[in-house]
C-alpha atoms as a PDB file:
ATOM      1  CA  MET A   1      -9.434  -1.781 -18.670  1.00  0.00           C
ATOM      2  CA  ALA A   2     -10.268  -2.408 -15.513  1.00  0.00           C
ATOM      3  CA  ILE A   3     -12.848  -5.529 -15.734  1.00  0.00           C
ATOM      4  CA  GLU A   4     -14.185  -5.390 -11.967  1.00  0.00           C
ATOM      5  CA  THR A   5     -15.491  -2.404 -10.601  1.00  0.00           C
ATOM      6  CA  ASP A   6     -14.495  -0.160  -7.527  1.00  0.00           C
ATOM      7  CA  ALA A   7     -17.094  -1.674  -5.183  1.00  0.00           C
ATOM      8  CA  MET A   8     -15.668  -5.175  -6.177  1.00  0.00           C
ATOM      9  CA  ARG A   9     -12.202  -4.158  -5.050  1.00  0.00           C
ATOM     10  CA  SER A  10     -13.486  -3.398  -1.875  1.00  0.00           C
ATOM     11  CA  GLU A  11     -15.257  -6.211  -1.240  1.00  0.00           C
ATOM     12  CA  PHE A  12     -12.085  -8.146  -1.922  1.00  0.00           C
ATOM     13  CA  LEU A  13      -9.735  -6.056   0.213  1.00  0.00           C
ATOM     14  CA  ALA A  14     -12.682  -6.480   3.199  1.00  0.00           C
ATOM     15  CA  ASP A  15     -12.422 -10.122   2.439  1.00  0.00           C
ATOM     16  CA  TRP A  16      -8.812 -10.605   2.888  1.00  0.00           C
ATOM     17  CA  GLY A  17      -7.564  -7.280   3.592  1.00  0.00           C
ATOM     18  CA  SER A  18      -7.699  -5.263   7.041  1.00  0.00           C
ATOM     19  CA  THR A  19      -8.850  -1.970   8.778  1.00  0.00           C
ATOM     20  CA  ALA A  20      -5.925   0.685   8.176  1.00  0.00           C
ATOM     21  CA  THR A  21      -5.747   4.042   8.881  1.00  0.00           C
ATOM     22  CA  TYR A  22      -4.045   6.368   6.022  1.00  0.00           C
ATOM     23  CA  GLY A  23      -2.306   9.655   6.931  1.00  0.00           C
ATOM     24  CA  ASP A  24      -2.004  12.019   4.060  1.00  0.00           C
ATOM     25  CA  THR A  25       0.709  14.096   5.572  1.00  0.00           C
ATOM     26  CA  SER A  26       0.349  16.992   2.988  1.00  0.00           C
ATOM     27  CA  ALA A  27      -3.236  17.615   3.920  1.00  0.00           C
ATOM     28  CA  GLY A  28      -2.742  16.869   7.474  1.00  0.00           C
ATOM     29  CA  SER A  29      -5.809  14.147   7.406  1.00  0.00           C
ATOM     30  CA  THR A  30      -6.863  10.919   8.253  1.00  0.00           C
ATOM     31  CA  ALA A  31      -9.158   8.546   6.485  1.00  0.00           C
ATOM     32  CA  SER A  32      -9.934   4.930   7.646  1.00  0.00           C
ATOM     33  CA  ILE A  33      -9.458   2.502   4.535  1.00  0.00           C
ATOM     34  CA  THR A  34      -9.063  -1.759   3.804  1.00  0.00           C
ATOM     35  CA  ALA A  35      -5.423  -2.811   3.154  1.00  0.00           C
ATOM     36  CA  MET A  36      -3.526  -6.344   2.507  1.00  0.00           C
ATOM     37  CA  LEU A  37      -0.817  -6.242   4.269  1.00  0.00           C
ATOM     38  CA  LYS A  38       2.180  -8.358   3.208  1.00  0.00           C
ATOM     39  CA  ARG A  39       6.119  -8.704   3.214  1.00  0.00           C
ATOM     40  CA  GLU A  40       7.388  -8.985  -0.589  1.00  0.00           C
ATOM     41  CA  TYR A  41      10.372 -10.651  -1.216  1.00  0.00           C
ATOM     42  CA  TYR A  42      12.867  -8.690  -3.415  1.00  0.00           C
ATOM     43  CA  GLU A  43      16.434  -8.847  -4.556  1.00  0.00           C
ATOM     44  CA  GLU A  44      18.770  -6.290  -5.468  1.00  0.00           C
ATOM     45  CA  THR A  45      22.052  -6.611  -7.538  1.00  0.00           C
ATOM     46  CA  ALA A  46      24.829  -4.049  -7.191  1.00  0.00           C
ATOM     47  CA  GLY A  47      28.008  -5.148  -9.458  1.00  0.00           C
ATOM     48  CA  ASP A  48      28.738  -8.821  -8.103  1.00  0.00           C
ATOM     49  CA  VAL A  49      26.593  -8.432  -4.686  1.00  0.00           C
ATOM     50  CA  THR A  50      23.096  -9.618  -4.489  1.00  0.00           C
ATOM     51  CA  VAL A  51      20.906  -8.827  -1.596  1.00  0.00           C
ATOM     52  CA  GLN A  52      18.046 -10.667  -0.666  1.00  0.00           C
ATOM     53  CA  SER A  53      15.010  -9.458   1.607  1.00  0.00           C
ATOM     54  CA  SER A  54      11.518  -8.632   1.876  1.00  0.00           C
ATOM     55  CA  SER A  55       9.603  -5.225   2.582  1.00  0.00           C
ATOM     56  CA  PRO A  56       6.016  -4.613   3.763  1.00  0.00           C
ATOM     57  CA  VAL A  57       3.632  -4.001   1.078  1.00  0.00           C
ATOM     58  CA  ALA A  58       0.215  -2.997   1.366  1.00  0.00           C
ATOM     59  CA  HIS A  59      -2.191  -3.425  -1.393  1.00  0.00           C
ATOM     60  CA  VAL A  60      -5.063  -0.617  -1.552  1.00  0.00           C
ATOM     61  CA  ARG A  61      -7.914   0.836  -3.697  1.00  0.00           C
ATOM     62  CA  THR A  62      -6.389   4.001  -5.782  1.00  0.00           C
ATOM     63  CA  SER A  63      -9.871   5.382  -5.103  1.00  0.00           C
ATOM     64  CA  ASP A  64      -8.994   5.445  -1.366  1.00  0.00           C
ATOM     65  CA  VAL A  65      -5.538   6.966  -1.514  1.00  0.00           C
ATOM     66  CA  SER A  66      -5.740   8.993  -4.613  1.00  0.00           C
ATOM     67  CA  SER A  67      -2.929  11.825  -3.559  1.00  0.00           C
ATOM     68  CA  VAL A  68      -0.792   9.094  -1.700  1.00  0.00           C
ATOM     69  CA  VAL A  69       2.971  10.422  -1.763  1.00  0.00           C
ATOM     70  CA  GLN A  70       6.561   9.162  -0.523  1.00  0.00           C
ATOM     71  CA  GLY A  71       6.218   9.840   3.458  1.00  0.00           C
ATOM     72  CA  ASP A  72       2.402   9.854   4.120  1.00  0.00           C
ATOM     73  CA  THR A  73       1.726   6.934   6.390  1.00  0.00           C
ATOM     74  CA  LEU A  74      -0.491   3.768   6.916  1.00  0.00           C
ATOM     75  CA  ALA A  75      -1.203   2.330  10.358  1.00  0.00           C
ATOM     76  CA  ILE A  76      -2.115  -1.161  10.464  1.00  0.00           C
ATOM     77  CA  ASP A  77      -2.839  -3.420  14.099  1.00  0.00           C
ATOM     78  CA  SER A  78      -0.804  -0.526  16.038  1.00  0.00           C
ATOM     79  CA  VAL A  79       2.015  -0.249  13.749  1.00  0.00           C
ATOM     80  CA  THR A  80       2.638   2.989  11.726  1.00  0.00           C
ATOM     81  CA  TYR A  81       4.070   2.405   8.600  1.00  0.00           C
ATOM     82  CA  TYR A  82       5.782   5.202   5.942  1.00  0.00           C
ATOM     83  CA  VAL A  83       5.136   4.885   2.529  1.00  0.00           C
ATOM     84  CA  ILE A  84       8.458   4.526   0.530  1.00  0.00           C
ATOM     85  CA  GLU A  85       6.929   3.998  -3.174  1.00  0.00           C
ATOM     86  CA  VAL A  86       3.964   3.906  -4.738  1.00  0.00           C
ATOM     87  CA  SER A  87       3.002   1.588  -7.736  1.00  0.00           C
ATOM     88  CA  PRO A  88      -0.577   1.948  -8.902  1.00  0.00           C
ATOM     89  CA  ASP A  89      -1.909  -0.853 -11.369  1.00  0.00           C
ATOM     90  CA  ASN A  90      -3.856   1.522 -13.476  1.00  0.00           C
ATOM     91  CA  GLU A  91      -6.584  -0.462 -12.992  1.00  0.00           C
ATOM     92  CA  GLY A  92      -8.167   0.466  -9.273  1.00  0.00           C
ATOM     93  CA  ILE A  93      -5.486  -0.938  -6.998  1.00  0.00           C
ATOM     94  CA  THR A  94      -2.046   0.833  -5.703  1.00  0.00           C
ATOM     95  CA  GLN A  95       0.503  -1.196  -4.027  1.00  0.00           C
ATOM     96  CA  LEU A  96       2.698   1.032  -1.522  1.00  0.00           C
ATOM     97  CA  ARG A  97       5.942  -0.476  -0.413  1.00  0.00           C
ATOM     98  CA  LEU A  98       6.223   0.806   3.416  1.00  0.00           C
ATOM     99  CA  ARG A  99       8.924   0.825   6.177  1.00  0.00           C
ATOM    100  CA  VAL A 100       8.220   1.141   9.880  1.00  0.00           C
END
């Protein structure tokens, strides 16, 4: 169970994030939200080959993107990203793995 409220999550993202435009492609609508964008390191192994890279990831309030799916967009600082993975933490924050 989450200890913080949705208002507290909003304050945290306002302190550490930036304004973003979320594009819901299935509804054809956009909304201004706050997102914390970072580049996350990841490593994938296939057989004997390991590939290391980083990917843009945004942390947003789940309530701001309740219907988010792959292919939706997030525009931050004049760059439009496409959502390729949605990972809610079930406590009010959703991580969106992005690509340009």
